[in-house]
């Protein structure tokens, strides 16, 4: 395992963007986080 993330939360301006996520990345894997970005 190259990277392990546990209980990650991110917020800004009183807005919760990511709440309590867990994931791991193994050698040779690619990871992409996809979701709304707030642009209009």
PDB file of N, CA and C in Angstrom:
ATOM      1  N   UNK A   1       0.857  -1.176   0.000  1.00  0.00           N
ATOM      2  CA  UNK A   1       0.000   0.000   0.000  1.00  0.00           C
ATOM      3  C   UNK A   1       0.900   1.235   0.000  1.00  0.00           C
ATOM      4  N   UNK A   2       0.551   2.204  -0.863  1.00  0.00           N
ATOM      5  CA  UNK A   2       1.323   3.430  -0.984  1.00  0.00           C
ATOM      6  C   UNK A   2       0.725   4.540  -0.125  1.00  0.00           C
ATOM      7  N   UNK A   3      -0.608   4.583  -0.056  1.00  0.00           N
ATOM      8  CA  UNK A   3      -1.292   5.642   0.681  1.00  0.00           C
ATOM      9  C   UNK A   3      -2.530   5.070   1.349  1.00  0.00           C
ATOM     10  N   UNK A   4      -2.749   5.441   2.597  1.00  0.00           N
ATOM     11  CA  UNK A   4      -3.969   5.057   3.303  1.00  0.00           C
ATOM     12  C   UNK A   4      -4.528   6.300   3.990  1.00  0.00           C
ATOM     13  N   UNK A   5      -5.809   6.565   3.759  1.00  0.00           N
ATOM     14  CA  UNK A   5      -6.485   7.714   4.360  1.00  0.00           C
ATOM     15  C   UNK A   5      -7.618   7.188   5.220  1.00  0.00           C
ATOM     16  N   UNK A   6      -7.699   7.690   6.452  1.00  0.00           N
ATOM     17  CA  UNK A   6      -8.751   7.252   7.370  1.00  0.00           C
ATOM     18  C   UNK A   6      -9.455   8.468   7.958  1.00  0.00           C
ATOM     19  N   UNK A   7     -10.785   8.419   7.921  1.00  0.00           N
ATOM     20  CA  UNK A   7     -11.639   9.435   8.549  1.00  0.00           C
ATOM     21  C   UNK A   7     -11.340  10.853   8.063  1.00  0.00           C
ATOM     22  N   UNK A   8     -11.178  11.032   6.773  1.00  0.00           N
ATOM     23  CA  UNK A   8     -10.895  12.350   6.204  1.00  0.00           C
ATOM     24  C   UNK A   8     -12.164  13.164   6.097  1.00  0.00           C
ATOM     25  N   UNK A   9     -12.119  14.393   6.598  1.00  0.00           N
ATOM     26  CA  UNK A   9     -13.222  15.344   6.467  1.00  0.00           C
ATOM     27  C   UNK A   9     -12.648  16.666   6.009  1.00  0.00           C
ATOM     28  N   UNK A  10     -13.360  17.339   5.104  1.00  0.00           N
ATOM     29  CA  UNK A  10     -12.939  18.646   4.599  1.00  0.00           C
ATOM     30  C   UNK A  10     -14.161  19.547   4.564  1.00  0.00           C
ATOM     31  N   UNK A  11     -14.011  20.758   5.097  1.00  0.00           N
ATOM     32  CA  UNK A  11     -15.101  21.729   5.031  1.00  0.00           C
ATOM     33  C   UNK A  11     -14.519  23.107   4.744  1.00  0.00           C
ATOM     34  N   UNK A  12     -15.365  23.978   4.211  1.00  0.00           N
ATOM     35  CA  UNK A  12     -14.980  25.354   3.943  1.00  0.00           C
ATOM     36  C   UNK A  12     -16.226  26.225   3.987  1.00  0.00           C
ATOM     37  N   UNK A  13     -16.093  27.420   4.525  1.00  0.00           N
ATOM     38  CA  UNK A  13     -17.231  28.356   4.634  1.00  0.00           C
ATOM     39  C   UNK A  13     -18.470  27.681   5.210  1.00  0.00           C
ATOM     40  N   UNK A  14     -18.310  26.904   6.252  1.00  0.00           N
ATOM     41  CA  UNK A  14     -19.406  26.184   6.913  1.00  0.00           C
ATOM     42  C   UNK A  14     -20.110  25.192   5.993  1.00  0.00           C
ATOM     43  N   UNK A  15     -19.423  24.720   4.962  1.00  0.00           N
ATOM     44  CA  UNK A  15     -19.966  23.724   4.043  1.00  0.00           C
ATOM     45  C   UNK A  15     -19.101  22.468   4.126  1.00  0.00           C
ATOM     46  N   UNK A  16     -19.719  21.326   4.398  1.00  0.00           N
ATOM     47  CA  UNK A  16     -18.978  20.069   4.459  1.00  0.00           C
ATOM     48  C   UNK A  16     -18.828  19.528   3.044  1.00  0.00           C
ATOM     49  N   UNK A  17     -17.597  19.463   2.562  1.00  0.00           N
ATOM     50  CA  UNK A  17     -17.329  18.975   1.214  1.00  0.00           C
ATOM     51  C   UNK A  17     -17.098  17.472   1.213  1.00  0.00           C
ATOM     52  N   UNK A  18     -16.376  16.980   2.197  1.00  0.00           N
ATOM     53  CA  UNK A  18     -16.071  15.547   2.338  1.00  0.00           C
ATOM     54  C   UNK A  18     -16.224  15.217   3.803  1.00  0.00           C
ATOM     55  N   UNK A  19     -16.897  14.126   4.097  1.00  0.00           N
ATOM     56  CA  UNK A  19     -17.101  13.770   5.502  1.00  0.00           C
ATOM     57  C   UNK A  19     -16.783  12.309   5.751  1.00  0.00           C
ATOM     58  N   UNK A  20     -15.769  12.094   6.560  1.00  0.00           N
ATOM     59  CA  UNK A  20     -15.435  10.779   7.101  1.00  0.00           C
ATOM     60  C   UNK A  20     -15.254   9.697   6.027  1.00  0.00           C
ATOM     61  N   UNK A  21     -14.362   9.932   5.062  1.00  0.00           N
ATOM     62  CA  UNK A  21     -14.107   8.911   4.050  1.00  0.00           C
ATOM     63  C   UNK A  21     -12.804   8.181   4.355  1.00  0.00           C
ATOM     64  N   UNK A  22     -12.733   6.955   3.904  1.00  0.00           N
ATOM     65  CA  UNK A  22     -11.567   6.105   4.074  1.00  0.00           C
ATOM     66  C   UNK A  22     -11.235   5.467   2.734  1.00  0.00           C
ATOM     67  N   UNK A  23      -9.947   5.420   2.400  1.00  0.00           N
ATOM     68  CA  UNK A  23      -9.544   4.719   1.191  1.00  0.00           C
ATOM     69  C   UNK A  23      -8.051   4.422   1.254  1.00  0.00           C
ATOM     70  N   UNK A  24      -7.637   3.507   0.414  1.00  0.00           N
ATOM     71  CA  UNK A  24      -6.216   3.208   0.284  1.00  0.00           C
ATOM     72  C   UNK A  24      -5.880   3.099  -1.195  1.00  0.00           C
ATOM     73  N   UNK A  25      -4.630   3.393  -1.502  1.00  0.00           N
ATOM     74  CA  UNK A  25      -4.152   3.339  -2.880  1.00  0.00           C
ATOM     75  C   UNK A  25      -2.942   2.423  -2.903  1.00  0.00           C
ATOM     76  N   UNK A  26      -2.997   1.451  -3.767  1.00  0.00           N
ATOM     77  CA  UNK A  26      -1.892   0.518  -3.919  1.00  0.00           C
ATOM     78  C   UNK A  26      -1.004   0.946  -5.080  1.00  0.00           C
ATOM     79  N   UNK A  27       0.204   0.446  -5.094  1.00  0.00           N
ATOM     80  CA  UNK A  27       1.142   0.770  -6.152  1.00  0.00           C
ATOM     81  C   UNK A  27       0.547   0.421  -7.514  1.00  0.00           C
ATOM     82  N   UNK A  28       0.631   1.341  -8.455  1.00  0.00           N
ATOM     83  CA  UNK A  28       0.114   1.123  -9.793  1.00  0.00           C
ATOM     84  C   UNK A  28      -1.336   1.524  -9.985  1.00  0.00           C
ATOM     85  N   UNK A  29      -2.042   1.874  -8.919  1.00  0.00           N
ATOM     86  CA  UNK A  29      -3.439   2.283  -9.023  1.00  0.00           C
ATOM     87  C   UNK A  29      -3.542   3.793  -9.214  1.00  0.00           C
ATOM     88  N   UNK A  30      -4.639   4.225  -9.836  1.00  0.00           N
ATOM     89  CA  UNK A  30      -4.956   5.632  -9.997  1.00  0.00           C
ATOM     90  C   UNK A  30      -6.264   5.897  -9.266  1.00  0.00           C
ATOM     91  N   UNK A  31      -6.375   7.041  -8.630  1.00  0.00           N
ATOM     92  CA  UNK A  31      -7.581   7.396  -7.886  1.00  0.00           C
ATOM     93  C   UNK A  31      -8.049   8.772  -8.329  1.00  0.00           C
ATOM     94  N   UNK A  32      -9.353   8.912  -8.501  1.00  0.00           N
ATOM     95  CA  UNK A  32      -9.937  10.193  -8.877  1.00  0.00           C
ATOM     96  C   UNK A  32     -11.183  10.414  -8.025  1.00  0.00           C
ATOM     97  N   UNK A  33     -11.274  11.560  -7.410  1.00  0.00           N
ATOM     98  CA  UNK A  33     -12.448  11.931  -6.633  1.00  0.00           C
ATOM     99  C   UNK A  33     -13.331  12.794  -7.528  1.00  0.00           C
ATOM    100  N   UNK A  34     -14.560  12.349  -7.758  1.00  0.00           N
ATOM    101  CA  UNK A  34     -15.453  13.027  -8.679  1.00  0.00           C
ATOM    102  C   UNK A  34     -16.710  13.482  -7.948  1.00  0.00           C
ATOM    103  N   UNK A  35     -17.122  14.689  -8.227  1.00  0.00           N
ATOM    104  CA  UNK A  35     -18.358  15.192  -7.628  1.00  0.00           C
ATOM    105  C   UNK A  35     -18.608  16.609  -8.086  1.00  0.00           C
ATOM    106  N   UNK A  36     -19.657  17.209  -7.582  1.00  0.00           N
ATOM    107  CA  UNK A  36     -19.984  18.586  -7.938  1.00  0.00           C
ATOM    108  C   UNK A  36     -18.883  19.507  -7.447  1.00  0.00           C
ATOM    109  N   UNK A  37     -18.582  20.528  -8.243  1.00  0.00           N
ATOM    110  CA  UNK A  37     -17.537  21.458  -7.842  1.00  0.00           C
ATOM    111  C   UNK A  37     -18.081  22.817  -7.457  1.00  0.00           C
ATOM    112  N   UNK A  38     -19.357  23.033  -7.599  1.00  0.00           N
ATOM    113  CA  UNK A  38     -19.975  24.288  -7.183  1.00  0.00           C
ATOM    114  C   UNK A  38     -19.999  25.361  -8.253  1.00  0.00           C
ATOM    115  N   UNK A  39     -19.387  25.141  -9.400  1.00  0.00           N
ATOM    116  CA  UNK A  39     -19.420  26.154 -10.451  1.00  0.00           C
ATOM    117  C   UNK A  39     -20.776  26.134 -11.140  1.00  0.00           C
ATOM    118  N   UNK A  40     -21.135  27.248 -11.670  1.00  0.00           N
ATOM    119  CA  UNK A  40     -22.448  27.347 -12.324  1.00  0.00           C
ATOM    120  C   UNK A  40     -22.308  27.904 -13.710  1.00  0.00           C
TER     121      UNK A  40
END
